[in-house]
PDB file of N, CA and C in Angstrom:
ATOM      1  N   MET A   1     110.472 141.633  90.033  1.00  0.00           N
ATOM      2  CA  MET A   1     111.144 142.555  89.056  1.00  0.00           C
ATOM      3  C   MET A   1     112.480 142.773  89.617  1.00  0.00           C
ATOM      4  N   THR A   2     113.794 142.581  88.856  1.00  0.00           N
ATOM      5  CA  THR A   2     114.762 142.843  89.209  1.00  0.00           C
ATOM      6  C   THR A   2     115.447 143.614  88.299  1.00  0.00           C
ATOM      7  N   ILE A   3     116.500 144.620  88.811  1.00  0.00           N
ATOM      8  CA  ILE A   3     117.429 145.220  87.638  1.00  0.00           C
ATOM      9  C   ILE A   3     117.600 144.326  86.654  1.00  0.00           C
ATOM     10  N   GLY A   4     117.742 145.072  85.521  1.00  0.00           N
ATOM     11  CA  GLY A   4     118.229 144.303  84.237  1.00  0.00           C
ATOM     12  C   GLY A   4     117.146 143.480  83.516  1.00  0.00           C
ATOM     13  N   ASP A   5     115.740 143.256  84.142  1.00  0.00           N
ATOM     14  CA  ASP A   5     114.955 142.553  83.545  1.00  0.00           C
ATOM     15  C   ASP A   5     114.538 142.893  82.393  1.00  0.00           C
ATOM     16  N   ILE A   6     114.022 142.101  81.458  1.00  0.00           N
ATOM     17  CA  ILE A   6     113.492 142.082  80.341  1.00  0.00           C
ATOM     18  C   ILE A   6     111.860 141.657  80.519  1.00  0.00           C
ATOM     19  N   VAL A   7     111.057 142.297  80.099  1.00  0.00           N
ATOM     20  CA  VAL A   7     109.599 141.839  80.334  1.00  0.00           C
ATOM     21  C   VAL A   7     109.036 141.897  78.858  1.00  0.00           C
ATOM     22  N   THR A   8     108.133 140.864  78.735  1.00  0.00           N
ATOM     23  CA  THR A   8     107.231 140.760  77.496  1.00  0.00           C
ATOM     24  C   THR A   8     105.934 141.331  77.775  1.00  0.00           C
ATOM     25  N   VAL A   9     105.645 142.029  76.910  1.00  0.00           N
ATOM     26  CA  VAL A   9     104.348 142.834  77.244  1.00  0.00           C
ATOM     27  C   VAL A   9     103.462 142.575  75.767  1.00  0.00           C
ATOM     28  N   LYS A  10     102.451 142.129  76.264  1.00  0.00           N
ATOM     29  CA  LYS A  10     101.210 141.820  75.224  1.00  0.00           C
ATOM     30  C   LYS A  10      99.904 143.024  75.112  1.00  0.00           C
ATOM     31  N   ILE A  11      99.861 143.676  73.908  1.00  0.00           N
ATOM     32  CA  ILE A  11      98.428 144.351  73.758  1.00  0.00           C
ATOM     33  C   ILE A  11      97.566 143.905  73.284  1.00  0.00           C
ATOM     34  N   THR A  12      96.507 143.323  74.001  1.00  0.00           N
ATOM     35  CA  THR A  12      95.555 142.560  73.570  1.00  0.00           C
ATOM     36  C   THR A  12      94.347 143.392  72.701  1.00  0.00           C
ATOM     37  N   GLN A  13      93.491 142.450  72.286  1.00  0.00           N
ATOM     38  CA  GLN A  13      92.427 143.637  71.251  1.00  0.00           C
ATOM     39  C   GLN A  13      91.610 144.026  72.336  1.00  0.00           C
ATOM     40  N   GLU A  14      91.290 143.258  73.394  1.00  0.00           N
ATOM     41  CA  GLU A  14      90.448 144.021  74.687  1.00  0.00           C
ATOM     42  C   GLU A  14      91.101 145.327  75.215  1.00  0.00           C
ATOM     43  N   MET A  15      92.252 145.396  75.401  1.00  0.00           N
ATOM     44  CA  MET A  15      93.091 146.600  75.701  1.00  0.00           C
ATOM     45  C   MET A  15      92.790 147.603  74.771  1.00  0.00           C
ATOM     46  N   ILE A  16      92.748 147.379  73.326  1.00  0.00           N
ATOM     47  CA  ILE A  16      92.952 148.405  72.229  1.00  0.00           C
ATOM     48  C   ILE A  16      91.212 148.746  72.491  1.00  0.00           C
ATOM     49  N   ASP A  17      90.316 147.876  72.620  1.00  0.00           N
ATOM     50  CA  ASP A  17      88.953 148.528  72.668  1.00  0.00           C
ATOM     51  C   ASP A  17      88.779 149.201  74.061  1.00  0.00           C
ATOM     52  N   GLU A  18      89.515 148.930  75.203  1.00  0.00           N
ATOM     53  CA  GLU A  18      89.098 149.813  76.258  1.00  0.00           C
ATOM     54  C   GLU A  18      90.040 150.819  76.423  1.00  0.00           C
ATOM     55  N   GLY A  19      91.128 150.738  75.691  1.00  0.00           N
ATOM     56  CA  GLY A  19      92.076 151.850  75.994  1.00  0.00           C
ATOM     57  C   GLY A  19      91.661 153.579  75.598  1.00  0.00           C
ATOM     58  N   GLU A  20      92.158 154.353  75.879  1.00  0.00           N
ATOM     59  CA  GLU A  20      92.069 155.905  75.464  1.00  0.00           C
ATOM     60  C   GLU A  20      93.091 156.408  74.881  1.00  0.00           C
ATOM     61  N   PRO A  21      92.556 157.031  73.666  1.00  0.00           N
ATOM     62  CA  PRO A  21      93.609 157.487  72.940  1.00  0.00           C
ATOM     63  C   PRO A  21      94.345 158.605  73.485  1.00  0.00           C
ATOM     64  N   ALA A  22      95.725 158.911  73.531  1.00  0.00           N
ATOM     65  CA  ALA A  22      96.596 159.873  73.709  1.00  0.00           C
ATOM     66  C   ALA A  22      96.483 160.116  75.439  1.00  0.00           C
ATOM     67  N   ASP A  23      96.261 159.184  76.338  1.00  0.00           N
ATOM     68  CA  ASP A  23      96.131 159.011  77.808  1.00  0.00           C
ATOM     69  C   ASP A  23      97.288 157.878  77.973  1.00  0.00           C
ATOM     70  N   ILE A  24      98.404 158.989  78.565  1.00  0.00           N
ATOM     71  CA  ILE A  24      99.359 158.437  79.023  1.00  0.00           C
ATOM     72  C   ILE A  24      99.244 157.141  80.251  1.00  0.00           C
ATOM     73  N   CYS A  25      98.100 157.216  80.862  1.00  0.00           N
ATOM     74  CA  CYS A  25      97.975 156.374  82.015  1.00  0.00           C
ATOM     75  C   CYS A  25      96.778 155.157  81.517  1.00  0.00           C
ATOM     76  N   LEU A  26      96.192 155.596  80.465  1.00  0.00           N
ATOM     77  CA  LEU A  26      94.979 154.678  80.219  1.00  0.00           C
ATOM     78  C   LEU A  26      94.638 154.069  78.925  1.00  0.00           C
ATOM     79  N   CYS A  27      96.022 154.398  78.089  1.00  0.00           N
ATOM     80  CA  CYS A  27      96.251 153.847  76.952  1.00  0.00           C
ATOM     81  C   CYS A  27      96.297 152.491  76.995  1.00  0.00           C
ATOM     82  N   PRO A  28      96.189 151.796  75.631  1.00  0.00           N
ATOM     83  CA  PRO A  28      96.350 150.290  75.546  1.00  0.00           C
ATOM     84  C   PRO A  28      97.838 149.714  76.145  1.00  0.00           C
ATOM     85  N   THR A  29      98.679 150.550  75.610  1.00  0.00           N
ATOM     86  CA  THR A  29     100.010 150.074  76.198  1.00  0.00           C
ATOM     87  C   THR A  29     100.469 150.285  77.564  1.00  0.00           C
ATOM     88  N   ALA A  30      99.940 151.307  77.990  1.00  0.00           N
ATOM     89  CA  ALA A  30      99.942 151.414  79.647  1.00  0.00           C
ATOM     90  C   ALA A  30      98.945 150.277  80.285  1.00  0.00           C
ATOM     91  N   LEU A  31      97.897 149.859  79.817  1.00  0.00           N
ATOM     92  CA  LEU A  31      97.328 148.803  80.256  1.00  0.00           C
ATOM     93  C   LEU A  31      97.876 147.440  80.162  1.00  0.00           C
ATOM     94  N   ALA A  32      98.696 147.178  79.045  1.00  0.00           N
ATOM     95  CA  ALA A  32      99.304 146.434  78.982  1.00  0.00           C
ATOM     96  C   ALA A  32     100.806 145.895  79.834  1.00  0.00           C
ATOM     97  N   VAL A  33     101.492 147.307  80.005  1.00  0.00           N
ATOM     98  CA  VAL A  33     102.423 147.405  80.865  1.00  0.00           C
ATOM     99  C   VAL A  33     101.783 147.046  82.312  1.00  0.00           C
ATOM    100  N   GLN A  34     100.603 147.381  82.799  1.00  0.00           N
ATOM    101  CA  GLN A  34     100.337 147.102  83.998  1.00  0.00           C
ATOM    102  C   GLN A  34     100.191 145.718  84.160  1.00  0.00           C
ATOM    103  N   GLU A  35      99.675 145.104  83.092  1.00  0.00           N
ATOM    104  CA  GLU A  35      99.458 143.578  83.444  1.00  0.00           C
ATOM    105  C   GLU A  35     100.790 142.584  83.400  1.00  0.00           C
ATOM    106  N   ALA A  36     101.534 143.160  82.335  1.00  0.00           N
ATOM    107  CA  ALA A  36     102.872 142.543  82.412  1.00  0.00           C
ATOM    108  C   ALA A  36     103.809 142.742  83.606  1.00  0.00           C
ATOM    109  N   THR A  37     103.850 143.896  84.172  1.00  0.00           N
ATOM    110  CA  THR A  37     104.411 144.143  85.644  1.00  0.00           C
ATOM    111  C   THR A  37     103.850 144.144  86.810  1.00  0.00           C
ATOM    112  N   GLY A  38     102.373 144.004  86.882  1.00  0.00           N
ATOM    113  CA  GLY A  38     101.539 143.778  88.137  1.00  0.00           C
ATOM    114  C   GLY A  38     101.497 145.294  88.986  1.00  0.00           C
ATOM    115  N   TYR A  39     102.232 146.155  88.222  1.00  0.00           N
ATOM    116  CA  TYR A  39     101.912 147.575  89.060  1.00  0.00           C
ATOM    117  C   TYR A  39     100.672 148.365  88.256  1.00  0.00           C
ATOM    118  N   GLU A  40      99.903 148.810  89.068  1.00  0.00           N
ATOM    119  CA  GLU A  40      98.768 149.409  88.570  1.00  0.00           C
ATOM    120  C   GLU A  40      99.012 150.890  88.236  1.00  0.00           C
ATOM    121  N   ASP A  41     100.033 151.576  88.673  1.00  0.00           N
ATOM    122  CA  ASP A  41     100.305 153.080  88.575  1.00  0.00           C
ATOM    123  C   ASP A  41     101.594 153.183  87.290  1.00  0.00           C
ATOM    124  N   VAL A  42     100.945 153.329  86.389  1.00  0.00           N
ATOM    125  CA  VAL A  42     101.728 153.380  85.059  1.00  0.00           C
ATOM    126  C   VAL A  42     101.440 154.564  84.123  1.00  0.00           C
ATOM    127  N   SER A  43     102.589 154.760  83.566  1.00  0.00           N
ATOM    128  CA  SER A  43     102.548 156.161  82.295  1.00  0.00           C
ATOM    129  C   SER A  43     103.424 155.818  81.355  1.00  0.00           C
ATOM    130  N   VAL A  44     103.220 155.898  80.053  1.00  0.00           N
ATOM    131  CA  VAL A  44     103.934 155.580  79.194  1.00  0.00           C
ATOM    132  C   VAL A  44     104.037 157.081  78.097  1.00  0.00           C
ATOM    133  N   ASP A  45     105.141 156.983  77.320  1.00  0.00           N
ATOM    134  CA  ASP A  45     105.429 157.765  76.410  1.00  0.00           C
ATOM    135  C   ASP A  45     105.884 157.019  75.026  1.00  0.00           C
ATOM    136  N   ASP A  46     106.521 157.701  74.201  1.00  0.00           N
ATOM    137  CA  ASP A  46     106.858 157.120  73.012  1.00  0.00           C
ATOM    138  C   ASP A  46     108.128 156.169  72.944  1.00  0.00           C
ATOM    139  N   THR A  47     108.835 156.696  74.260  1.00  0.00           N
ATOM    140  CA  THR A  47     109.936 155.818  74.548  1.00  0.00           C
ATOM    141  C   THR A  47     110.303 154.975  75.576  1.00  0.00           C
ATOM    142  N   SER A  48     109.219 155.186  76.573  1.00  0.00           N
ATOM    143  CA  SER A  48     109.724 154.518  77.796  1.00  0.00           C
ATOM    144  C   SER A  48     108.306 154.304  78.370  1.00  0.00           C
ATOM    145  N   ALA A  49     108.290 153.310  79.399  1.00  0.00           N
ATOM    146  CA  ALA A  49     107.059 153.111  80.581  1.00  0.00           C
ATOM    147  C   ALA A  49     107.490 153.177  81.910  1.00  0.00           C
ATOM    148  N   ASP A  50     106.881 153.979  82.824  1.00  0.00           N
ATOM    149  CA  ASP A  50     107.469 154.203  83.966  1.00  0.00           C
ATOM    150  C   ASP A  50     106.205 153.369  85.036  1.00  0.00           C
ATOM    151  N   THR A  51     106.780 152.724  85.721  1.00  0.00           N
ATOM    152  CA  THR A  51     106.190 152.087  86.892  1.00  0.00           C
ATOM    153  C   THR A  51     106.278 153.117  88.435  1.00  0.00           C
ATOM    154  N   TYR A  52     105.224 153.306  89.049  1.00  0.00           N
ATOM    155  CA  TYR A  52     105.268 153.743  89.984  1.00  0.00           C
ATOM    156  C   TYR A  52     104.779 153.265  91.564  1.00  0.00           C
ATOM    157  N   LYS A  53     105.384 153.528  92.666  1.00  0.00           N
ATOM    158  CA  LYS A  53     104.947 152.824  93.838  1.00  0.00           C
ATOM    159  C   LYS A  53     104.910 154.224  95.018  1.00  0.00           C
ATOM    160  N   ASP A  54     104.003 154.422  95.807  1.00  0.00           N
ATOM    161  CA  ASP A  54     103.885 155.317  96.397  1.00  0.00           C
ATOM    162  C   ASP A  54     103.945 156.720  95.752  1.00  0.00           C
ATOM    163  N   GLY A  55     103.759 157.141  94.624  1.00  0.00           N
ATOM    164  CA  GLY A  55     103.871 158.233  93.763  1.00  0.00           C
ATOM    165  C   GLY A  55     105.397 158.474  93.462  1.00  0.00           C
ATOM    166  N   LYS A  56     106.164 157.439  93.493  1.00  0.00           N
ATOM    167  CA  LYS A  56     107.742 157.578  92.918  1.00  0.00           C
ATOM    168  C   LYS A  56     108.098 156.579  91.916  1.00  0.00           C
ATOM    169  N   ILE A  57     108.666 156.875  90.971  1.00  0.00           N
ATOM    170  CA  ILE A  57     109.151 156.147  89.956  1.00  0.00           C
ATOM    171  C   ILE A  57     109.613 155.131  90.574  1.00  0.00           C
ATOM    172  N   LEU A  58     109.338 153.815  90.433  1.00  0.00           N
ATOM    173  CA  LEU A  58     110.002 152.671  90.808  1.00  0.00           C
ATOM    174  C   LEU A  58     110.856 152.098  89.626  1.00  0.00           C
ATOM    175  N   ILE A  59     110.441 151.854  88.468  1.00  0.00           N
ATOM    176  CA  ILE A  59     111.151 151.415  87.333  1.00  0.00           C
ATOM    177  C   ILE A  59     110.985 152.298  86.109  1.00  0.00           C
ATOM    178  N   CYS A  60     112.030 152.548  85.433  1.00  0.00           N
ATOM    179  CA  CYS A  60     111.935 153.220  83.951  1.00  0.00           C
ATOM    180  C   CYS A  60     112.107 151.885  83.000  1.00  0.00           C
ATOM    181  N   TRP A  61     110.989 151.819  82.147  1.00  0.00           N
ATOM    182  CA  TRP A  61     111.425 150.616  81.238  1.00  0.00           C
ATOM    183  C   TRP A  61     111.454 151.523  79.681  1.00  0.00           C
ATOM    184  N   LYS A  62     112.457 150.904  79.071  1.00  0.00           N
ATOM    185  CA  LYS A  62     112.842 151.390  77.554  1.00  0.00           C
ATOM    186  C   LYS A  62     111.816 150.431  76.551  1.00  0.00           C
ATOM    187  N   LEU A  63     111.120 151.299  75.568  1.00  0.00           N
ATOM    188  CA  LEU A  63     110.238 150.715  74.776  1.00  0.00           C
ATOM    189  C   LEU A  63     110.716 150.597  73.418  1.00  0.00           C
ATOM    190  N   PRO A  64     110.735 149.788  72.680  1.00  0.00           N
ATOM    191  CA  PRO A  64     111.423 149.337  71.149  1.00  0.00           C
ATOM    192  C   PRO A  64     110.544 150.434  70.480  1.00  0.00           C
ATOM    193  N   PRO A  65     111.268 150.872  69.296  1.00  0.00           N
ATOM    194  CA  PRO A  65     110.560 151.963  68.539  1.00  0.00           C
ATOM    195  C   PRO A  65     109.299 151.513  67.870  1.00  0.00           C
ATOM    196  N   GLU A  66     109.177 150.269  67.668  1.00  0.00           N
ATOM    197  CA  GLU A  66     108.065 149.853  67.042  1.00  0.00           C
ATOM    198  C   GLU A  66     106.663 150.046  67.855  1.00  0.00           C
ATOM    199  N   VAL A  67     106.816 150.613  69.024  1.00  0.00           N
ATOM    200  CA  VAL A  67     105.734 150.710  70.090  1.00  0.00           C
ATOM    201  C   VAL A  67     105.513 152.146  70.079  1.00  0.00           C
ATOM    202  N   ALA A  68     106.325 152.943  69.322  1.00  0.00           N
ATOM    203  CA  ALA A  68     105.876 154.593  69.311  1.00  0.00           C
ATOM    204  C   ALA A  68     105.208 154.719  67.932  1.00  0.00           C
ATOM    205  N   VAL A  69     105.514 153.942  67.090  1.00  0.00           N
ATOM    206  CA  VAL A  69     104.770 154.022  65.846  1.00  0.00           C
ATOM    207  C   VAL A  69     103.279 153.299  66.091  1.00  0.00           C
ATOM    208  N   TRP A  70     103.092 152.312  66.566  1.00  0.00           N
ATOM    209  CA  TRP A  70     101.939 151.647  66.993  1.00  0.00           C
ATOM    210  C   TRP A  70     101.005 152.586  67.751  1.00  0.00           C
ATOM    211  N   MET A  71     101.552 153.224  69.014  1.00  0.00           N
ATOM    212  CA  MET A  71     100.926 154.292  69.712  1.00  0.00           C
ATOM    213  C   MET A  71     100.291 155.372  68.585  1.00  0.00           C
ATOM    214  N   ALA A  72     101.144 155.877  68.130  1.00  0.00           N
ATOM    215  CA  ALA A  72     100.749 157.069  67.104  1.00  0.00           C
ATOM    216  C   ALA A  72      99.683 156.705  66.331  1.00  0.00           C
ATOM    217  N   GLU A  73      99.507 155.460  65.713  1.00  0.00           N
ATOM    218  CA  GLU A  73      98.542 154.948  64.631  1.00  0.00           C
ATOM    219  C   GLU A  73      97.143 154.831  65.873  1.00  0.00           C
ATOM    220  N   PHE A  74      97.454 154.322  66.884  1.00  0.00           N
ATOM    221  CA  PHE A  74      95.836 154.337  67.581  1.00  0.00           C
ATOM    222  C   PHE A  74      95.537 155.738  68.107  1.00  0.00           C
ATOM    223  N   ASP A  75      96.447 156.392  68.713  1.00  0.00           N
ATOM    224  CA  ASP A  75      96.087 157.685  69.091  1.00  0.00           C
ATOM    225  C   ASP A  75      95.244 158.781  68.038  1.00  0.00           C
ATOM    226  N   ALA A  76      95.872 158.239  66.678  1.00  0.00           N
ATOM    227  CA  ALA A  76      95.406 159.172  65.285  1.00  0.00           C
ATOM    228  C   ALA A  76      93.932 158.324  64.989  1.00  0.00           C
ATOM    229  N   GLY A  77      93.561 157.243  65.767  1.00  0.00           N
ATOM    230  CA  GLY A  77      92.162 156.631  65.477  1.00  0.00           C
ATOM    231  C   GLY A  77      92.156 155.762  64.495  1.00  0.00           C
ATOM    232  N   ASN A  78      93.546 155.272  63.835  1.00  0.00           N
ATOM    233  CA  ASN A  78      93.753 154.216  62.924  1.00  0.00           C
ATOM    234  C   ASN A  78      93.543 152.856  63.414  1.00  0.00           C
ATOM    235  N   HIS A  79      93.444 151.995  62.571  1.00  0.00           N
ATOM    236  CA  HIS A  79      92.973 150.513  62.933  1.00  0.00           C
ATOM    237  C   HIS A  79      94.260 149.913  63.426  1.00  0.00           C
ATOM    238  N   VAL A  80      94.585 149.639  64.457  1.00  0.00           N
ATOM    239  CA  VAL A  80      95.513 148.715  65.075  1.00  0.00           C
ATOM    240  C   VAL A  80      95.392 147.342  65.462  1.00  0.00           C
ATOM    241  N   GLU A  81      96.368 146.450  65.298  1.00  0.00           N
ATOM    242  CA  GLU A  81      96.214 144.926  65.589  1.00  0.00           C
ATOM    243  C   GLU A  81      97.001 144.748  67.151  1.00  0.00           C
ATOM    244  N   PRO A  82      96.636 143.831  67.702  1.00  0.00           N
ATOM    245  CA  PRO A  82      97.249 143.535  68.890  1.00  0.00           C
ATOM    246  C   PRO A  82      98.565 143.097  68.652  1.00  0.00           C
ATOM    247  N   LEU A  83      99.587 143.581  69.629  1.00  0.00           N
ATOM    248  CA  LEU A  83     100.954 143.966  69.532  1.00  0.00           C
ATOM    249  C   LEU A  83     101.437 143.061  70.784  1.00  0.00           C
ATOM    250  N   GLU A  84     102.703 142.293  70.521  1.00  0.00           N
ATOM    251  CA  GLU A  84     103.434 141.599  71.482  1.00  0.00           C
ATOM    252  C   GLU A  84     105.004 142.290  71.494  1.00  0.00           C
ATOM    253  N   PHE A  85     105.405 142.799  72.556  1.00  0.00           N
ATOM    254  CA  PHE A  85     106.967 143.197  72.391  1.00  0.00           C
ATOM    255  C   PHE A  85     107.767 143.255  73.833  1.00  0.00           C
ATOM    256  N   GLN A  86     108.881 143.294  73.823  1.00  0.00           N
ATOM    257  CA  GLN A  86     109.896 143.144  74.927  1.00  0.00           C
ATOM    258  C   GLN A  86     110.285 144.764  75.468  1.00  0.00           C
ATOM    259  N   MET A  87     109.858 144.984  76.596  1.00  0.00           N
ATOM    260  CA  MET A  87     110.926 146.271  77.365  1.00  0.00           C
ATOM    261  C   MET A  87     111.782 145.812  78.088  1.00  0.00           C
ATOM    262  N   TRP A  88     112.788 146.711  78.529  1.00  0.00           N
ATOM    263  CA  TRP A  88     113.783 146.515  79.405  1.00  0.00           C
ATOM    264  C   TRP A  88     113.926 147.553  80.159  1.00  0.00           C
ATOM    265  N   GLU A  89     114.744 147.226  81.230  1.00  0.00           N
ATOM    266  CA  GLU A  89     115.002 148.268  82.241  1.00  0.00           C
ATOM    267  C   GLU A  89     115.936 149.249  81.860  1.00  0.00           C
ATOM    268  N   ARG A  90     115.974 150.627  82.007  1.00  0.00           N
ATOM    269  CA  ARG A  90     116.665 151.624  81.851  1.00  0.00           C
ATOM    270  C   ARG A  90     117.630 151.460  82.685  1.00  0.00           C
TER     271      ARG A  90
END
């Protein structure tokens, strides 16, 4: 990963099945960011994803608005489909 990177993230059905609603580190979005970046320590909110190394933020990624809508639906217990999106370094 280098400054200015754009990364494609894929939330799979398996991640949806295994993800925890309203958990910033174990929701499907966080699991997908882990897979896309290779970093195990990840947290997400409705606008960004942070990757950590040694307890410090390594990269803060900007998430597109449709991810916030998707996460709200998942957190509410509604049916969601797999999603692919791009995130970019803030």
